[in-house]
Amino acid sequence: MEAQAALRRERAAEKLRENLSRRKQQVRARRSGQADETDGLPAAKPAAAKMDES
């Protein structure tokens, strides 16, 4: 049980480090005038979201 908790904490710490690194890269990109390179899907448009609800 204790080993599982330690493993969970280690994974969470790694995710936090990745997130911090990504945020720092975004700040550097904004300072230099480059576009942000985001991971994941683009945000949905409000009109498209309303059509999906019906």
PDB file of N, CA and C in Angstrom:
ATOM      1  N   MET A   1       0.833  -1.201   0.000  1.00  0.00           N
ATOM      2  CA  MET A   1       0.000   0.000   0.000  1.00  0.00           C
ATOM      3  C   MET A   1       0.871   1.255   0.000  1.00  0.00           C
ATOM      4  N   GLU A   2       1.892   1.256   0.835  1.00  0.00           N
ATOM      5  CA  GLU A   2       2.767   2.425   0.926  1.00  0.00           C
ATOM      6  C   GLU A   2       3.530   2.647  -0.378  1.00  0.00           C
ATOM      7  N   ALA A   3       3.911   1.564  -1.031  1.00  0.00           N
ATOM      8  CA  ALA A   3       4.624   1.672  -2.307  1.00  0.00           C
ATOM      9  C   ALA A   3       3.717   2.294  -3.375  1.00  0.00           C
ATOM     10  N   GLN A   4       2.436   1.934  -3.349  1.00  0.00           N
ATOM     11  CA  GLN A   4       1.493   2.509  -4.314  1.00  0.00           C
ATOM     12  C   GLN A   4       1.333   4.004  -4.085  1.00  0.00           C
ATOM     13  N   ALA A   5       1.260   4.419  -2.834  1.00  0.00           N
ATOM     14  CA  ALA A   5       1.122   5.839  -2.517  1.00  0.00           C
ATOM     15  C   ALA A   5       2.366   6.611  -2.970  1.00  0.00           C
ATOM     16  N   ALA A   6       3.537   6.031  -2.766  1.00  0.00           N
ATOM     17  CA  ALA A   6       4.776   6.673  -3.190  1.00  0.00           C
ATOM     18  C   ALA A   6       4.817   6.799  -4.710  1.00  0.00           C
ATOM     19  N   LEU A   7       4.370   5.771  -5.403  1.00  0.00           N
ATOM     20  CA  LEU A   7       4.334   5.793  -6.862  1.00  0.00           C
ATOM     21  C   LEU A   7       3.366   6.863  -7.364  1.00  0.00           C
ATOM     22  N   ARG A   8       2.199   6.970  -6.707  1.00  0.00           N
ATOM     23  CA  ARG A   8       1.222   8.005  -7.077  1.00  0.00           C
ATOM     24  C   ARG A   8       1.807   9.397  -6.885  1.00  0.00           C
ATOM     25  N   ARG A   9       2.485   9.607  -5.751  1.00  0.00           N
ATOM     26  CA  ARG A   9       3.105  10.918  -5.495  1.00  0.00           C
ATOM     27  C   ARG A   9       4.176  11.234  -6.534  1.00  0.00           C
ATOM     28  N   GLU A  10       4.939  10.226  -6.904  1.00  0.00           N
ATOM     29  CA  GLU A  10       5.989  10.417  -7.905  1.00  0.00           C
ATOM     30  C   GLU A  10       5.393  10.791  -9.260  1.00  0.00           C
ATOM     31  N   ARG A  11       4.307  10.102  -9.652  1.00  0.00           N
ATOM     32  CA  ARG A  11       3.650  10.429 -10.928  1.00  0.00           C
ATOM     33  C   ARG A  11       3.050  11.822 -10.896  1.00  0.00           C
ATOM     34  N   ALA A  12       2.436  12.192  -9.780  1.00  0.00           N
ATOM     35  CA  ALA A  12       1.854  13.530  -9.658  1.00  0.00           C
ATOM     36  C   ALA A  12       2.942  14.601  -9.749  1.00  0.00           C
ATOM     37  N   ALA A  13       4.062  14.361  -9.110  1.00  0.00           N
ATOM     38  CA  ALA A  13       5.175  15.315  -9.164  1.00  0.00           C
ATOM     39  C   ALA A  13       5.687  15.463 -10.596  1.00  0.00           C
ATOM     40  N   GLU A  14       5.764  14.365 -11.326  1.00  0.00           N
ATOM     41  CA  GLU A  14       6.210  14.408 -12.722  1.00  0.00           C
ATOM     42  C   GLU A  14       5.237  15.217 -13.575  1.00  0.00           C
ATOM     43  N   LYS A  15       3.940  15.007 -13.365  1.00  0.00           N
ATOM     44  CA  LYS A  15       2.931  15.771 -14.110  1.00  0.00           C
ATOM     45  C   LYS A  15       3.049  17.259 -13.809  1.00  0.00           C
ATOM     46  N   LEU A  16       3.284  17.607 -12.546  1.00  0.00           N
ATOM     47  CA  LEU A  16       3.444  19.009 -12.186  1.00  0.00           C
ATOM     48  C   LEU A  16       4.671  19.617 -12.861  1.00  0.00           C
ATOM     49  N   ARG A  17       5.762  18.859 -12.907  1.00  0.00           N
ATOM     50  CA  ARG A  17       6.970  19.351 -13.579  1.00  0.00           C
ATOM     51  C   ARG A  17       6.714  19.568 -15.072  1.00  0.00           C
ATOM     52  N   GLU A  18       6.004  18.628 -15.708  1.00  0.00           N
ATOM     53  CA  GLU A  18       5.676  18.774 -17.131  1.00  0.00           C
ATOM     54  C   GLU A  18       4.811  20.014 -17.361  1.00  0.00           C
ATOM     55  N   ASN A  19       3.825  20.209 -16.504  1.00  0.00           N
ATOM     56  CA  ASN A  19       2.931  21.353 -16.627  1.00  0.00           C
ATOM     57  C   ASN A  19       3.710  22.662 -16.473  1.00  0.00           C
ATOM     58  N   LEU A  20       4.587  22.715 -15.482  1.00  0.00           N
ATOM     59  CA  LEU A  20       5.383  23.917 -15.262  1.00  0.00           C
ATOM     60  C   LEU A  20       6.269  24.199 -16.469  1.00  0.00           C
ATOM     61  N   SER A  21       6.885  23.164 -17.003  1.00  0.00           N
ATOM     62  CA  SER A  21       7.742  23.319 -18.180  1.00  0.00           C
ATOM     63  C   SER A  21       6.940  23.851 -19.371  1.00  0.00           C
ATOM     64  N   ARG A  22       5.744  23.295 -19.579  1.00  0.00           N
ATOM     65  CA  ARG A  22       4.889  23.735 -20.680  1.00  0.00           C
ATOM     66  C   ARG A  22       4.495  25.198 -20.512  1.00  0.00           C
ATOM     67  N   ARG A  23       4.147  25.580 -19.292  1.00  0.00           N
ATOM     68  CA  ARG A  23       3.768  26.978 -19.039  1.00  0.00           C
ATOM     69  C   ARG A  23       4.937  27.925 -19.267  1.00  0.00           C
ATOM     70  N   LYS A  24       6.127  27.514 -18.854  1.00  0.00           N
ATOM     71  CA  LYS A  24       7.309  28.353 -19.078  1.00  0.00           C
ATOM     72  C   LYS A  24       7.575  28.527 -20.566  1.00  0.00           C
ATOM     73  N   GLN A  25       7.404  27.453 -21.335  1.00  0.00           N
ATOM     74  CA  GLN A  25       7.590  27.546 -22.783  1.00  0.00           C
ATOM     75  C   GLN A  25       6.577  28.508 -23.402  1.00  0.00           C
ATOM     76  N   GLN A  26       5.338  28.478 -22.906  1.00  0.00           N
ATOM     77  CA  GLN A  26       4.316  29.382 -23.424  1.00  0.00           C
ATOM     78  C   GLN A  26       4.672  30.835 -23.128  1.00  0.00           C
ATOM     79  N   VAL A  27       5.170  31.099 -21.915  1.00  0.00           N
ATOM     80  CA  VAL A  27       5.547  32.462 -21.544  1.00  0.00           C
ATOM     81  C   VAL A  27       6.690  32.942 -22.434  1.00  0.00           C
ATOM     82  N   ARG A  28       7.680  32.078 -22.647  1.00  0.00           N
ATOM     83  CA  ARG A  28       8.813  32.450 -23.512  1.00  0.00           C
ATOM     84  C   ARG A  28       8.326  32.735 -24.932  1.00  0.00           C
ATOM     85  N   ALA A  29       7.398  31.918 -25.425  1.00  0.00           N
ATOM     86  CA  ALA A  29       6.876  32.120 -26.775  1.00  0.00           C
ATOM     87  C   ALA A  29       6.138  33.452 -26.876  1.00  0.00           C
ATOM     88  N   ARG A  30       5.373  33.791 -25.864  1.00  0.00           N
ATOM     89  CA  ARG A  30       4.645  35.067 -25.880  1.00  0.00           C
ATOM     90  C   ARG A  30       5.610  36.238 -25.867  1.00  0.00           C
ATOM     91  N   ARG A  31       6.672  36.137 -25.082  1.00  0.00           N
ATOM     92  CA  ARG A  31       7.660  37.212 -25.017  1.00  0.00           C
ATOM     93  C   ARG A  31       8.348  37.424 -26.357  1.00  0.00           C
ATOM     94  N   SER A  32       8.612  36.333 -27.072  1.00  0.00           N
ATOM     95  CA  SER A  32       9.312  36.440 -28.346  1.00  0.00           C
ATOM     96  C   SER A  32       8.355  36.655 -29.517  1.00  0.00           C
ATOM     97  N   GLY A  33       7.057  36.703 -29.246  1.00  0.00           N
ATOM     98  CA  GLY A  33       6.068  36.984 -30.276  1.00  0.00           C
ATOM     99  C   GLY A  33       5.650  35.780 -31.090  1.00  0.00           C
ATOM    100  N   GLN A  34       5.994  34.573 -30.655  1.00  0.00           N
ATOM    101  CA  GLN A  34       5.598  33.376 -31.382  1.00  0.00           C
ATOM    102  C   GLN A  34       4.228  32.904 -30.907  1.00  0.00           C
ATOM    103  N   ALA A  35       3.570  32.132 -31.741  1.00  0.00           N
ATOM    104  CA  ALA A  35       2.272  31.581 -31.373  1.00  0.00           C
ATOM    105  C   ALA A  35       2.449  30.466 -30.354  1.00  0.00           C
ATOM    106  N   ASP A  36       1.462  30.309 -29.490  1.00  0.00           N
ATOM    107  CA  ASP A  36       1.476  29.204 -28.521  1.00  0.00           C
ATOM    108  C   ASP A  36       1.246  27.894 -29.246  1.00  0.00           C
ATOM    109  N   GLU A  37       2.006  26.879 -28.871  1.00  0.00           N
ATOM    110  CA  GLU A  37       1.772  25.539 -29.388  1.00  0.00           C
ATOM    111  C   GLU A  37       1.074  24.760 -28.283  1.00  0.00           C
ATOM    112  N   THR A  38      -0.220  24.565 -28.435  1.00  0.00           N
ATOM    113  CA  THR A  38      -0.978  23.906 -27.385  1.00  0.00           C
ATOM    114  C   THR A  38      -1.163  22.438 -27.699  1.00  0.00           C
ATOM    115  N   ASP A  39      -1.289  21.654 -26.662  1.00  0.00           N
ATOM    116  CA  ASP A  39      -1.581  20.232 -26.799  1.00  0.00           C
ATOM    117  C   ASP A  39      -3.083  20.038 -26.684  1.00  0.00           C
ATOM    118  N   GLY A  40      -3.581  19.004 -27.295  1.00  0.00           N
ATOM    119  CA  GLY A  40      -4.995  18.683 -27.132  1.00  0.00           C
ATOM    120  C   GLY A  40      -5.848  19.236 -28.251  1.00  0.00           C
ATOM    121  N   LEU A  41      -7.153  19.167 -28.046  1.00  0.00           N
ATOM    122  CA  LEU A  41      -8.112  19.590 -29.046  1.00  0.00           C
ATOM    123  C   LEU A  41      -8.394  21.077 -28.948  1.00  0.00           C
ATOM    124  N   PRO A  42      -8.699  21.721 -30.066  1.00  0.00           N
ATOM    125  CA  PRO A  42      -9.080  23.139 -30.002  1.00  0.00           C
ATOM    126  C   PRO A  42     -10.443  23.295 -29.326  1.00  0.00           C
ATOM    127  N   ALA A  43     -10.682  24.454 -28.787  1.00  0.00           N
ATOM    128  CA  ALA A  43     -11.954  24.717 -28.108  1.00  0.00           C
ATOM    129  C   ALA A  43     -13.099  24.706 -29.126  1.00  0.00           C
ATOM    130  N   ALA A  44     -14.247  24.228 -28.691  1.00  0.00           N
ATOM    131  CA  ALA A  44     -15.422  24.198 -29.561  1.00  0.00           C
ATOM    132  C   ALA A  44     -16.037  25.586 -29.654  1.00  0.00           C
ATOM    133  N   LYS A  45     -16.614  25.873 -30.784  1.00  0.00           N
ATOM    134  CA  LYS A  45     -17.299  27.154 -30.963  1.00  0.00           C
ATOM    135  C   LYS A  45     -18.656  27.079 -30.261  1.00  0.00           C
ATOM    136  N   PRO A  46     -19.151  28.178 -29.693  1.00  0.00           N
ATOM    137  CA  PRO A  46     -20.429  28.146 -28.978  1.00  0.00           C
ATOM    138  C   PRO A  46     -21.590  27.660 -29.845  1.00  0.00           C
ATOM    139  N   ALA A  47     -21.634  28.020 -31.117  1.00  0.00           N
ATOM    140  CA  ALA A  47     -22.731  27.588 -31.983  1.00  0.00           C
ATOM    141  C   ALA A  47     -22.710  26.074 -32.161  1.00  0.00           C
ATOM    142  N   ALA A  48     -21.535  25.514 -32.307  1.00  0.00           N
ATOM    143  CA  ALA A  48     -21.430  24.069 -32.478  1.00  0.00           C
ATOM    144  C   ALA A  48     -21.853  23.343 -31.207  1.00  0.00           C
ATOM    145  N   ALA A  49     -21.532  23.906 -30.073  1.00  0.00           N
ATOM    146  CA  ALA A  49     -21.908  23.282 -28.813  1.00  0.00           C
ATOM    147  C   ALA A  49     -23.435  23.263 -28.646  1.00  0.00           C
ATOM    148  N   LYS A  50     -24.103  24.332 -29.060  1.00  0.00           N
ATOM    149  CA  LYS A  50     -25.556  24.376 -28.952  1.00  0.00           C
ATOM    150  C   LYS A  50     -26.212  23.356 -29.860  1.00  0.00           C
ATOM    151  N   MET A  51     -25.647  23.150 -31.039  1.00  0.00           N
ATOM    152  CA  MET A  51     -26.228  22.176 -31.968  1.00  0.00           C
ATOM    153  C   MET A  51     -26.094  20.765 -31.412  1.00  0.00           C
ATOM    154  N   ASP A  52     -25.004  20.462 -30.692  1.00  0.00           N
ATOM    155  CA  ASP A  52     -24.796  19.136 -30.152  1.00  0.00           C
ATOM    156  C   ASP A  52     -25.757  18.807 -29.008  1.00  0.00           C
ATOM    157  N   GLU A  53     -26.254  19.819 -28.321  1.00  0.00           N
ATOM    158  CA  GLU A  53     -27.123  19.602 -27.160  1.00  0.00           C
ATOM    159  C   GLU A  53     -28.502  19.084 -27.547  1.00  0.00           C
ATOM    160  N   SER A  54     -28.980  19.424 -28.739  1.00  0.00           N
ATOM    161  CA  SER A  54     -30.347  19.061 -29.099  1.00  0.00           C
ATOM    162  C   SER A  54     -30.505  17.624 -29.502  1.00  0.00           C
TER     163      SER A  54
END
